[in-house]
């Protein structure tokens, strides 16, 4: 399943990333890496609010579709 399919309130583990390039580097710089647990807090329009450790980050649904989770 990809990150966009996750429901608010769920906590998942990142398995892998599809795609390459600058976007992938930026996502990793924000703290999203394979094996990391994230909670989906809220879906707002075209964006998704995530909790990673003690931080909150926002990514687009397009980017979320390229992140495989379990």
N, C-alpha and C. Protein backbone atom coordinates (compact mmCIF):
# COMPACT_ATOMS: atom_id res chain seq x y z
N UNK A 1 0.86 -1.17 0.00
CA UNK A 1 0.00 0.00 0.00
C UNK A 1 0.90 1.23 0.00
N UNK A 2 0.41 2.32 -0.58
CA UNK A 2 1.20 3.54 -0.55
C UNK A 2 0.69 4.49 0.53
N UNK A 3 1.46 5.50 0.83
CA UNK A 3 1.16 6.40 1.94
C UNK A 3 -0.14 7.17 1.74
N UNK A 4 -0.53 7.42 0.50
CA UNK A 4 -1.78 8.14 0.27
C UNK A 4 -2.99 7.31 0.68
N UNK A 5 -2.89 5.98 0.67
CA UNK A 5 -4.00 5.09 1.01
C UNK A 5 -4.22 4.95 2.52
N UNK A 6 -3.28 5.43 3.31
CA UNK A 6 -3.36 5.32 4.77
C UNK A 6 -4.44 6.27 5.30
N UNK A 7 -5.17 5.82 6.30
CA UNK A 7 -6.22 6.65 6.90
C UNK A 7 -5.65 7.49 8.04
N UNK A 8 -6.22 8.68 8.26
CA UNK A 8 -5.76 9.52 9.38
C UNK A 8 -5.82 8.74 10.70
N UNK A 9 -4.78 8.90 11.50
CA UNK A 9 -4.70 8.21 12.78
C UNK A 9 -3.87 6.94 12.72
N UNK A 10 -3.61 6.42 11.53
CA UNK A 10 -2.83 5.19 11.40
C UNK A 10 -1.34 5.48 11.50
N UNK A 11 -0.62 4.53 12.07
CA UNK A 11 0.84 4.59 12.11
C UNK A 11 1.37 3.47 11.23
N UNK A 12 2.31 3.79 10.36
CA UNK A 12 2.85 2.82 9.40
C UNK A 12 4.37 2.89 9.36
N UNK A 13 4.98 1.89 8.74
CA UNK A 13 6.42 1.86 8.55
C UNK A 13 6.72 2.05 7.07
N UNK A 14 7.66 2.91 6.76
CA UNK A 14 8.05 3.15 5.37
C UNK A 14 8.89 1.97 4.88
N UNK A 15 8.47 1.39 3.74
CA UNK A 15 9.19 0.25 3.16
C UNK A 15 10.15 0.68 2.07
N UNK A 16 9.66 1.52 1.14
CA UNK A 16 10.50 1.90 0.02
C UNK A 16 9.94 3.15 -0.66
N UNK A 17 10.75 3.69 -1.56
CA UNK A 17 10.37 4.86 -2.33
C UNK A 17 10.42 4.51 -3.81
N UNK A 18 9.41 4.92 -4.56
CA UNK A 18 9.42 4.77 -6.01
C UNK A 18 9.86 6.11 -6.59
N UNK A 19 10.65 6.06 -7.63
CA UNK A 19 11.09 7.31 -8.25
C UNK A 19 12.48 7.69 -7.79
N UNK A 20 13.00 8.67 -8.47
CA UNK A 20 14.35 9.13 -8.20
C UNK A 20 14.38 10.65 -8.29
N UNK A 21 15.54 11.21 -8.02
CA UNK A 21 15.72 12.63 -8.26
C UNK A 21 15.61 13.51 -7.06
N UNK A 22 15.40 14.80 -7.34
CA UNK A 22 15.41 15.83 -6.32
C UNK A 22 14.33 15.64 -5.27
N UNK A 23 13.14 15.23 -5.71
CA UNK A 23 12.03 15.07 -4.76
C UNK A 23 12.38 14.01 -3.72
N UNK A 24 12.94 12.90 -4.17
CA UNK A 24 13.32 11.84 -3.25
C UNK A 24 14.36 12.32 -2.24
N UNK A 25 15.32 13.10 -2.70
CA UNK A 25 16.34 13.65 -1.80
C UNK A 25 15.72 14.58 -0.76
N UNK A 26 14.77 15.41 -1.19
CA UNK A 26 14.11 16.34 -0.25
C UNK A 26 13.30 15.58 0.79
N UNK A 27 12.61 14.52 0.35
CA UNK A 27 11.82 13.71 1.28
C UNK A 27 12.72 13.07 2.32
N UNK A 28 13.83 12.55 1.89
CA UNK A 28 14.78 11.95 2.84
C UNK A 28 15.36 12.99 3.78
N UNK A 29 15.60 14.19 3.28
CA UNK A 29 16.13 15.27 4.12
C UNK A 29 15.12 15.67 5.19
N UNK A 30 13.84 15.48 4.91
CA UNK A 30 12.80 15.79 5.90
C UNK A 30 12.67 14.70 6.96
N UNK A 31 13.41 13.60 6.81
CA UNK A 31 13.39 12.56 7.82
C UNK A 31 12.63 11.32 7.44
N UNK A 32 12.11 11.25 6.22
CA UNK A 32 11.40 10.05 5.77
C UNK A 32 12.41 9.09 5.16
N UNK A 33 12.59 7.94 5.82
CA UNK A 33 13.55 6.94 5.36
C UNK A 33 12.95 5.55 5.53
N UNK A 34 13.50 4.59 4.81
CA UNK A 34 13.06 3.21 4.95
C UNK A 34 13.19 2.77 6.40
N UNK A 35 12.17 2.08 6.89
CA UNK A 35 12.18 1.57 8.26
C UNK A 35 11.65 2.53 9.30
N UNK A 36 11.44 3.76 8.95
CA UNK A 36 10.97 4.77 9.90
C UNK A 36 9.45 4.67 10.06
N UNK A 37 8.98 4.82 11.30
CA UNK A 37 7.54 4.82 11.62
C UNK A 37 7.01 6.24 11.48
N UNK A 38 5.88 6.38 10.81
CA UNK A 38 5.24 7.69 10.66
C UNK A 38 3.76 7.54 10.95
N UNK A 39 3.15 8.60 11.45
CA UNK A 39 1.71 8.65 11.68
C UNK A 39 1.09 9.65 10.72
N UNK A 40 0.00 9.26 10.09
CA UNK A 40 -0.72 10.19 9.23
C UNK A 40 -1.71 10.93 10.11
N UNK A 41 -1.52 12.22 10.25
CA UNK A 41 -2.37 13.01 11.13
C UNK A 41 -3.61 13.53 10.43
N UNK A 42 -3.43 14.02 9.18
CA UNK A 42 -4.54 14.68 8.52
C UNK A 42 -4.31 14.76 7.02
N UNK A 43 -5.41 14.67 6.27
CA UNK A 43 -5.37 14.91 4.83
C UNK A 43 -6.11 16.22 4.59
N UNK A 44 -5.42 17.18 3.98
CA UNK A 44 -5.99 18.50 3.75
C UNK A 44 -5.80 18.86 2.28
N UNK A 45 -6.87 18.85 1.51
CA UNK A 45 -6.76 19.17 0.09
C UNK A 45 -5.80 18.24 -0.61
N UNK A 46 -4.78 18.80 -1.23
CA UNK A 46 -3.78 18.00 -1.95
C UNK A 46 -2.59 17.64 -1.08
N UNK A 47 -2.65 17.91 0.21
CA UNK A 47 -1.52 17.68 1.11
C UNK A 47 -1.85 16.67 2.20
N UNK A 48 -0.79 16.11 2.76
CA UNK A 48 -0.90 15.15 3.85
C UNK A 48 0.02 15.61 4.97
N UNK A 49 -0.52 15.67 6.18
CA UNK A 49 0.25 16.05 7.36
C UNK A 49 0.69 14.78 8.08
N UNK A 50 2.01 14.64 8.26
CA UNK A 50 2.59 13.47 8.91
C UNK A 50 3.29 13.85 10.20
N UNK A 51 3.33 12.90 11.12
CA UNK A 51 4.14 13.06 12.32
C UNK A 51 5.30 12.08 12.22
N UNK A 52 6.51 12.60 12.28
CA UNK A 52 7.73 11.80 12.23
C UNK A 52 8.51 12.13 13.48
N UNK A 53 8.64 11.17 14.38
CA UNK A 53 9.24 11.40 15.69
C UNK A 53 8.48 12.56 16.36
N UNK A 54 9.16 13.65 16.68
CA UNK A 54 8.48 14.78 17.32
C UNK A 54 8.22 15.93 16.35
N UNK A 55 8.39 15.67 15.07
CA UNK A 55 8.19 16.70 14.05
C UNK A 55 6.93 16.42 13.24
N UNK A 56 6.40 17.49 12.66
CA UNK A 56 5.28 17.37 11.75
C UNK A 56 5.73 17.90 10.40
N UNK A 57 5.45 17.13 9.36
CA UNK A 57 5.82 17.57 8.02
C UNK A 57 4.62 17.42 7.09
N UNK A 58 4.63 18.21 6.03
CA UNK A 58 3.57 18.17 5.04
C UNK A 58 4.18 17.75 3.71
N UNK A 59 3.55 16.77 3.07
CA UNK A 59 3.95 16.37 1.73
C UNK A 59 2.70 16.34 0.85
N UNK A 60 2.90 16.38 -0.45
CA UNK A 60 1.77 16.32 -1.37
C UNK A 60 1.29 14.88 -1.52
N UNK A 61 0.04 14.73 -1.94
CA UNK A 61 -0.48 13.38 -2.17
C UNK A 61 0.28 12.70 -3.30
N UNK A 62 0.78 13.48 -4.25
CA UNK A 62 1.56 12.93 -5.36
C UNK A 62 2.83 12.25 -4.83
N UNK A 63 3.51 12.90 -3.91
CA UNK A 63 4.71 12.32 -3.30
C UNK A 63 4.32 11.12 -2.45
N UNK A 64 3.22 11.22 -1.72
CA UNK A 64 2.76 10.12 -0.86
C UNK A 64 2.50 8.86 -1.67
N UNK A 65 2.04 9.01 -2.92
CA UNK A 65 1.79 7.84 -3.77
C UNK A 65 3.08 7.09 -4.10
N UNK A 66 4.21 7.76 -4.02
CA UNK A 66 5.48 7.10 -4.36
C UNK A 66 6.17 6.47 -3.14
N UNK A 67 5.52 6.53 -1.98
CA UNK A 67 6.10 5.97 -0.75
C UNK A 67 5.31 4.72 -0.36
N UNK A 68 5.95 3.58 -0.41
CA UNK A 68 5.32 2.31 -0.04
C UNK A 68 5.46 2.09 1.47
N UNK A 69 4.34 1.71 2.10
CA UNK A 69 4.32 1.54 3.56
C UNK A 69 3.67 0.22 3.94
N UNK A 70 3.84 -0.15 5.19
CA UNK A 70 3.23 -1.36 5.74
C UNK A 70 2.61 -1.02 7.06
